[in-house]
Amino acid sequence: MIEESLRVEPATEAEWLGPLAVREFFAHPERRLEIDLGCGKGRFLLARAAKHPGTNFLGIDRMLRRIRKVDNRARRLDLINIRLMRVEAYYAVAHLLPRAAVDAYYIFFPDPWPKARHEGHRLFNAPFLDALHRTLAPEGVAHVATDHLPYFEQLSGVFAGDARFAPVAPFAPPEDEQTDFERYYIGQKPIGRLSVRRA
């Protein structure tokens, strides 16, 4: 078992303003960096990291209890290719992640804020797409899934109207990598998936 926590955080006020040298969090910073944005309880992140030991994975979530749970499980599984940050998703992408540092984002089931008066709280908006494009490496990809079809329609339109992103075949995780949320809803509700590449 890994003895030390896999959690990382900005150490100084200047680091909180970013960008952070996130690749240096890992023993092999030259490897691919993939980010599970809103990693939740970590089912996808842990399974994916176990199957791809040559890739570095950063899990980001705003809830401390989730980060603690994923940290404990990753250390028990000796997954040295995982690091974790407790921070809000938009802030991480907009301020903490360096330019062209991320090879892949996984953004599964972001809060849809379904009420019309709350739509402004949704993660995907123009500033977030700017940050996503800035932080993706050339040919980097973002994989998105949601069970809220009106949100999916909005996402599809947002990406279709942005020439900085090109559609690619949607990513659907194998059963052992499905999030707890997906496992609960699969078969009950349709799931919209889209994947885009930085053009």
C-alpha atoms as a PDB file:
ATOM      1  CA  MET A   1       0.000   0.000   0.000  1.00  0.00           C
ATOM      2  CA  ILE A   2       1.169   3.525  -0.802  1.00  0.00           C
ATOM      3  CA  GLU A   3       1.824   5.226   2.528  1.00  0.00           C
ATOM      4  CA  GLU A   4       1.596   8.882   1.551  1.00  0.00           C
ATOM      5  CA  SER A   5      -1.552  10.608   0.372  1.00  0.00           C
ATOM      6  CA  LEU A   6      -1.957  11.069  -3.374  1.00  0.00           C
ATOM      7  CA  ARG A   7      -3.685  14.394  -2.821  1.00  0.00           C
ATOM      8  CA  VAL A   8      -1.946  17.507  -4.103  1.00  0.00           C
ATOM      9  CA  GLU A   9      -2.834  21.161  -3.719  1.00  0.00           C
ATOM     10  CA  PRO A  10      -1.354  24.562  -4.444  1.00  0.00           C
ATOM     11  CA  ALA A  11       1.091  25.332  -1.646  1.00  0.00           C
ATOM     12  CA  THR A  12       1.379  29.111  -1.987  1.00  0.00           C
ATOM     13  CA  GLU A  13      -0.844  32.033  -2.858  1.00  0.00           C
ATOM     14  CA  ALA A  14       0.932  32.371  -6.198  1.00  0.00           C
ATOM     15  CA  GLU A  15       0.236  28.715  -7.019  1.00  0.00           C
ATOM     16  CA  TRP A  16      -3.483  29.216  -6.329  1.00  0.00           C
ATOM     17  CA  LEU A  17      -3.425  31.758  -9.117  1.00  0.00           C
ATOM     18  CA  GLY A  18      -1.809  29.135 -11.382  1.00  0.00           C
ATOM     19  CA  PRO A  19      -0.799  27.645 -13.550  1.00  0.00           C
ATOM     20  CA  LEU A  20       0.495  24.614 -11.662  1.00  0.00           C
ATOM     21  CA  ALA A  21       3.170  22.282 -13.003  1.00  0.00           C
ATOM     22  CA  VAL A  22       0.687  19.409 -12.814  1.00  0.00           C
ATOM     23  CA  ARG A  23       2.849  16.990 -14.778  1.00  0.00           C
ATOM     24  CA  GLU A  24       5.525  17.321 -12.107  1.00  0.00           C
ATOM     25  CA  PHE A  25       3.122  15.779  -9.579  1.00  0.00           C
ATOM     26  CA  PHE A  26       3.952  12.407 -11.133  1.00  0.00           C
ATOM     27  CA  ALA A  27       7.044  10.210 -11.086  1.00  0.00           C
ATOM     28  CA  HIS A  28       6.979  10.165 -14.905  1.00  0.00           C
ATOM     29  CA  PRO A  29       5.925  13.642 -16.035  1.00  0.00           C
ATOM     30  CA  GLU A  30       6.657  12.828 -19.677  1.00  0.00           C
ATOM     31  CA  ARG A  31       3.705  10.424 -19.886  1.00  0.00           C
ATOM     32  CA  ARG A  32       0.210  11.244 -21.123  1.00  0.00           C
ATOM     33  CA  LEU A  33      -1.928  13.225 -18.711  1.00  0.00           C
ATOM     34  CA  GLU A  34      -5.624  12.465 -18.556  1.00  0.00           C
ATOM     35  CA  ILE A  35      -8.030  14.262 -16.222  1.00  0.00           C
ATOM     36  CA  ASP A  36     -11.246  12.968 -14.696  1.00  0.00           C
ATOM     37  CA  LEU A  37     -13.019  16.273 -14.075  1.00  0.00           C
ATOM     38  CA  GLY A  38     -15.576  15.698 -11.343  1.00  0.00           C
ATOM     39  CA  CYS A  39     -14.231  12.249 -10.451  1.00  0.00           C
ATOM     40  CA  GLY A  40     -16.878  11.603  -7.789  1.00  0.00           C
ATOM     41  CA  LYS A  41     -16.368   8.316  -5.952  1.00  0.00           C
ATOM     42  CA  GLY A  42     -13.634   7.370  -8.403  1.00  0.00           C
ATOM     43  CA  ARG A  43     -14.958   4.175  -9.964  1.00  0.00           C
ATOM     44  CA  PHE A  44     -14.013   5.245 -13.488  1.00  0.00           C
ATOM     45  CA  LEU A  45     -10.732   6.857 -12.453  1.00  0.00           C
ATOM     46  CA  LEU A  46      -9.505   3.864 -10.457  1.00  0.00           C
ATOM     47  CA  ALA A  47     -10.428   1.301 -13.095  1.00  0.00           C
ATOM     48  CA  ARG A  48      -8.965   3.361 -15.924  1.00  0.00           C
ATOM     49  CA  ALA A  49      -5.706   4.020 -14.077  1.00  0.00           C
ATOM     50  CA  ALA A  50      -5.331   0.338 -13.196  1.00  0.00           C
ATOM     51  CA  LYS A  51      -5.733  -0.664 -16.857  1.00  0.00           C
ATOM     52  CA  HIS A  52      -3.394   2.059 -18.153  1.00  0.00           C
ATOM     53  CA  PRO A  53      -0.388   2.166 -15.796  1.00  0.00           C
ATOM     54  CA  GLY A  54       1.665   4.073 -18.383  1.00  0.00           C
ATOM     55  CA  THR A  55      -0.692   7.056 -18.291  1.00  0.00           C
ATOM     56  CA  ASN A  56      -0.879   9.706 -15.570  1.00  0.00           C
ATOM     57  CA  PHE A  57      -4.363  10.436 -14.216  1.00  0.00           C
ATOM     58  CA  LEU A  58      -5.463  13.499 -12.272  1.00  0.00           C
ATOM     59  CA  GLY A  59      -8.811  13.283 -10.500  1.00  0.00           C
ATOM     60  CA  ILE A  60     -10.495  16.578  -9.643  1.00  0.00           C
ATOM     61  CA  ASP A  61     -13.539  16.992  -7.432  1.00  0.00           C
ATOM     62  CA  ARG A  62     -14.831  19.727  -5.139  1.00  0.00           C
ATOM     63  CA  MET A  63     -16.045  17.402  -2.373  1.00  0.00           C
ATOM     64  CA  LEU A  64     -13.428  16.483   0.230  1.00  0.00           C
ATOM     65  CA  ARG A  65     -15.116  13.262   1.348  1.00  0.00           C
ATOM     66  CA  ARG A  66     -15.023  11.986  -2.234  1.00  0.00           C
ATOM     67  CA  ILE A  67     -11.368  12.888  -2.647  1.00  0.00           C
ATOM     68  CA  ARG A  68     -10.517  11.168   0.629  1.00  0.00           C
ATOM     69  CA  LYS A  69     -12.347   8.012  -0.440  1.00  0.00           C
ATOM     70  CA  VAL A  70     -10.607   7.877  -3.831  1.00  0.00           C
ATOM     71  CA  ASP A  71      -7.242   8.602  -2.178  1.00  0.00           C
ATOM     72  CA  ASN A  72      -7.656   5.695   0.248  1.00  0.00           C
ATOM     73  CA  ARG A  73      -8.696   3.274  -2.487  1.00  0.00           C
ATOM     74  CA  ALA A  74      -5.931   4.339  -4.898  1.00  0.00           C
ATOM     75  CA  ARG A  75      -3.280   3.899  -2.207  1.00  0.00           C
ATOM     76  CA  ARG A  76      -4.620   0.456  -1.251  1.00  0.00           C
ATOM     77  CA  LEU A  77      -4.449  -0.515  -4.933  1.00  0.00           C
ATOM     78  CA  ASP A  78      -0.902   0.909  -5.282  1.00  0.00           C
ATOM     79  CA  LEU A  79      -1.941   3.119  -8.193  1.00  0.00           C
ATOM     80  CA  ILE A  80       1.082   5.352  -8.377  1.00  0.00           C
ATOM     81  CA  ASN A  81      -0.184   6.961 -11.603  1.00  0.00           C
ATOM     82  CA  ILE A  82      -3.038   8.814  -9.830  1.00  0.00           C
ATOM     83  CA  ARG A  83      -3.015  12.247  -8.211  1.00  0.00           C
ATOM     84  CA  LEU A  84      -6.019  14.063  -6.749  1.00  0.00           C
ATOM     85  CA  MET A  85      -7.019  17.696  -6.299  1.00  0.00           C
ATOM     86  CA  ARG A  86      -9.932  19.069  -4.330  1.00  0.00           C
ATOM     87  CA  VAL A  87     -11.029  22.117  -6.273  1.00  0.00           C
ATOM     88  CA  GLU A  88     -14.008  23.328  -8.271  1.00  0.00           C
ATOM     89  CA  ALA A  89     -13.878  22.109 -11.879  1.00  0.00           C
ATOM     90  CA  TYR A  90     -14.122  25.433 -13.667  1.00  0.00           C
ATOM     91  CA  TYR A  91     -11.491  27.056 -11.451  1.00  0.00           C
ATOM     92  CA  ALA A  92      -9.096  24.171 -12.047  1.00  0.00           C
ATOM     93  CA  VAL A  93      -9.354  24.334 -15.823  1.00  0.00           C
ATOM     94  CA  ALA A  94      -9.491  28.127 -16.083  1.00  0.00           C
ATOM     95  CA  HIS A  95      -6.701  28.953 -13.637  1.00  0.00           C
ATOM     96  CA  LEU A  96      -4.646  25.996 -12.396  1.00  0.00           C
ATOM     97  CA  LEU A  97      -3.951  23.832 -15.445  1.00  0.00           C
ATOM     98  CA  PRO A  98      -1.150  24.892 -17.806  1.00  0.00           C
ATOM     99  CA  ARG A  99      -1.500  25.580 -21.490  1.00  0.00           C
ATOM    100  CA  ALA A 100      -1.503  22.452 -23.718  1.00  0.00           C
ATOM    101  CA  ALA A 101      -0.893  20.132 -20.747  1.00  0.00           C
ATOM    102  CA  VAL A 102      -3.865  17.763 -20.959  1.00  0.00           C
ATOM    103  CA  ASP A 103      -4.136  14.879 -23.413  1.00  0.00           C
ATOM    104  CA  ALA A 104      -7.683  13.896 -22.471  1.00  0.00           C
ATOM    105  CA  TYR A 105     -10.537  15.121 -20.309  1.00  0.00           C
ATOM    106  CA  TYR A 106     -13.330  12.906 -19.045  1.00  0.00           C
ATOM    107  CA  ILE A 107     -16.330  14.972 -17.976  1.00  0.00           C
ATOM    108  CA  PHE A 108     -19.064  12.569 -17.002  1.00  0.00           C
ATOM    109  CA  PHE A 109     -22.494  13.655 -15.752  1.00  0.00           C
ATOM    110  CA  PRO A 110     -21.786  17.275 -14.826  1.00  0.00           C
ATOM    111  CA  ASP A 111     -24.559  18.915 -12.827  1.00  0.00           C
ATOM    112  CA  PRO A 112     -27.222  19.823 -15.441  1.00  0.00           C
ATOM    113  CA  TRP A 113     -28.819  22.565 -13.361  1.00  0.00           C
ATOM    114  CA  PRO A 114     -32.148  21.647 -14.995  1.00  0.00           C
ATOM    115  CA  LYS A 115     -34.209  24.653 -13.910  1.00  0.00           C
ATOM    116  CA  ALA A 116     -34.197  27.426 -16.500  1.00  0.00           C
ATOM    117  CA  ARG A 117     -33.249  30.069 -13.947  1.00  0.00           C
ATOM    118  CA  HIS A 118     -30.151  28.051 -12.989  1.00  0.00           C
ATOM    119  CA  GLU A 119     -28.748  27.374 -16.475  1.00  0.00           C
ATOM    120  CA  GLY A 120     -26.072  30.013 -15.915  1.00  0.00           C
ATOM    121  CA  HIS A 121     -24.495  27.708 -13.342  1.00  0.00           C
ATOM    122  CA  ARG A 122     -23.752  25.001 -15.909  1.00  0.00           C
ATOM    123  CA  LEU A 123     -20.101  24.135 -16.436  1.00  0.00           C
ATOM    124  CA  PHE A 124     -20.139  24.396 -20.213  1.00  0.00           C
ATOM    125  CA  ASN A 125     -20.170  28.017 -21.303  1.00  0.00           C
ATOM    126  CA  ALA A 126     -17.961  30.233 -23.463  1.00  0.00           C
ATOM    127  CA  PRO A 127     -15.254  30.893 -20.801  1.00  0.00           C
ATOM    128  CA  PHE A 128     -15.050  27.185 -19.977  1.00  0.00           C
ATOM    129  CA  LEU A 129     -14.636  26.256 -23.648  1.00  0.00           C
ATOM    130  CA  ASP A 130     -11.849  28.844 -23.887  1.00  0.00           C
ATOM    131  CA  ALA A 131     -10.125  27.215 -20.910  1.00  0.00           C
ATOM    132  CA  LEU A 132     -10.688  23.721 -22.297  1.00  0.00           C
ATOM    133  CA  HIS A 133      -9.108  24.656 -25.613  1.00  0.00           C
ATOM    134  CA  ARG A 134      -6.183  26.407 -23.926  1.00  0.00           C
ATOM    135  CA  THR A 135      -5.328  23.458 -21.670  1.00  0.00           C
ATOM    136  CA  LEU A 136      -5.754  20.658 -24.212  1.00  0.00           C
ATOM    137  CA  ALA A 137      -2.602  19.450 -25.924  1.00  0.00           C
ATOM    138  CA  PRO A 138      -2.575  19.453 -29.737  1.00  0.00           C
ATOM    139  CA  GLU A 139      -4.928  16.657 -30.816  1.00  0.00           C
ATOM    140  CA  GLY A 140      -6.119  16.402 -27.200  1.00  0.00           C
ATOM    141  CA  VAL A 141      -9.670  15.152 -26.660  1.00  0.00           C
ATOM    142  CA  ALA A 142     -12.571  15.783 -24.313  1.00  0.00           C
ATOM    143  CA  HIS A 143     -15.171  13.098 -23.615  1.00  0.00           C
ATOM    144  CA  VAL A 144     -18.528  14.175 -22.199  1.00  0.00           C
ATOM    145  CA  ALA A 145     -21.582  12.232 -21.023  1.00  0.00           C
ATOM    146  CA  THR A 146     -24.881  13.313 -19.502  1.00  0.00           C
ATOM    147  CA  ASP A 147     -28.243  11.719 -18.801  1.00  0.00           C
ATOM    148  CA  HIS A 148     -30.005  15.089 -19.089  1.00  0.00           C
ATOM    149  CA  LEU A 149     -30.964  15.274 -22.763  1.00  0.00           C
ATOM    150  CA  PRO A 150     -31.753  19.012 -22.905  1.00  0.00           C
ATOM    151  CA  TYR A 151     -28.250  19.633 -21.545  1.00  0.00           C
ATOM    152  CA  PHE A 152     -26.833  17.208 -24.112  1.00  0.00           C
ATOM    153  CA  GLU A 153     -28.587  19.092 -26.908  1.00  0.00           C
ATOM    154  CA  GLN A 154     -27.111  22.339 -25.602  1.00  0.00           C
ATOM    155  CA  LEU A 155     -23.620  20.788 -25.397  1.00  0.00           C
ATOM    156  CA  SER A 156     -23.890  19.421 -28.928  1.00  0.00           C
ATOM    157  CA  GLY A 157     -24.824  22.852 -30.219  1.00  0.00           C
ATOM    158  CA  VAL A 158     -22.077  24.613 -28.283  1.00  0.00           C
ATOM    159  CA  PHE A 159     -19.355  22.341 -29.644  1.00  0.00           C
ATOM    160  CA  ALA A 160     -20.795  22.262 -33.170  1.00  0.00           C
ATOM    161  CA  GLY A 161     -20.603  26.038 -33.252  1.00  0.00           C
ATOM    162  CA  ASP A 162     -16.969  26.225 -32.128  1.00  0.00           C
ATOM    163  CA  ALA A 163     -14.440  25.623 -34.901  1.00  0.00           C
ATOM    164  CA  ARG A 164     -11.687  25.019 -32.335  1.00  0.00           C
ATOM    165  CA  PHE A 165     -13.139  21.547 -31.669  1.00  0.00           C
ATOM    166  CA  ALA A 166     -13.749  18.725 -34.142  1.00  0.00           C
ATOM    167  CA  PRO A 167     -16.136  15.836 -33.413  1.00  0.00           C
ATOM    168  CA  VAL A 168     -14.721  12.343 -33.006  1.00  0.00           C
ATOM    169  CA  ALA A 169     -16.374   9.019 -32.197  1.00  0.00           C
ATOM    170  CA  PRO A 170     -18.035   9.260 -28.764  1.00  0.00           C
ATOM    171  CA  PHE A 171     -16.228   7.468 -25.945  1.00  0.00           C
ATOM    172  CA  ALA A 172     -18.295   4.908 -24.045  1.00  0.00           C
ATOM    173  CA  PRO A 173     -16.460   3.309 -21.119  1.00  0.00           C
ATOM    174  CA  PRO A 174     -16.532  -0.467 -20.769  1.00  0.00           C
ATOM    175  CA  GLU A 175     -18.719  -1.818 -17.983  1.00  0.00           C
ATOM    176  CA  ASP A 176     -15.914  -2.064 -15.439  1.00  0.00           C
ATOM    177  CA  GLU A 177     -15.121   1.648 -15.948  1.00  0.00           C
ATOM    178  CA  GLN A 178     -18.663   2.978 -15.728  1.00  0.00           C
ATOM    179  CA  THR A 179     -19.235   5.529 -12.995  1.00  0.00           C
ATOM    180  CA  ASP A 180     -21.567   4.701 -10.119  1.00  0.00           C
ATOM    181  CA  PHE A 181     -23.943   7.305 -11.512  1.00  0.00           C
ATOM    182  CA  GLU A 182     -23.966   5.677 -14.942  1.00  0.00           C
ATOM    183  CA  ARG A 183     -24.469   2.184 -13.507  1.00  0.00           C
ATOM    184  CA  TYR A 184     -27.476   3.461 -11.575  1.00  0.00           C
ATOM    185  CA  TYR A 185     -29.158   5.109 -14.551  1.00  0.00           C
ATOM    186  CA  ILE A 186     -28.115   2.901 -17.469  1.00  0.00           C
ATOM    187  CA  GLY A 187     -31.134   1.168 -18.937  1.00  0.00           C
ATOM    188  CA  GLN A 188     -33.462   3.631 -17.187  1.00  0.00           C
ATOM    189  CA  LYS A 189     -32.545   6.809 -19.011  1.00  0.00           C
ATOM    190  CA  PRO A 190     -30.811   7.465 -22.344  1.00  0.00           C
ATOM    191  CA  ILE A 191     -27.275   8.749 -22.002  1.00  0.00           C
ATOM    192  CA  GLY A 192     -25.958  11.359 -24.399  1.00  0.00           C
ATOM    193  CA  ARG A 193     -22.272  11.088 -25.247  1.00  0.00           C
ATOM    194  CA  LEU A 194     -19.994  13.258 -27.317  1.00  0.00           C
ATOM    195  CA  SER A 195     -16.267  13.504 -27.837  1.00  0.00           C
ATOM    196  CA  VAL A 196     -14.302  16.289 -29.460  1.00  0.00           C
ATOM    197  CA  ARG A 197     -10.698  16.809 -30.489  1.00  0.00           C
ATOM    198  CA  ARG A 198      -8.822  20.072 -30.321  1.00  0.00           C
ATOM    199  CA  ALA A 199      -8.712  21.142 -33.957  1.00  0.00           C
END
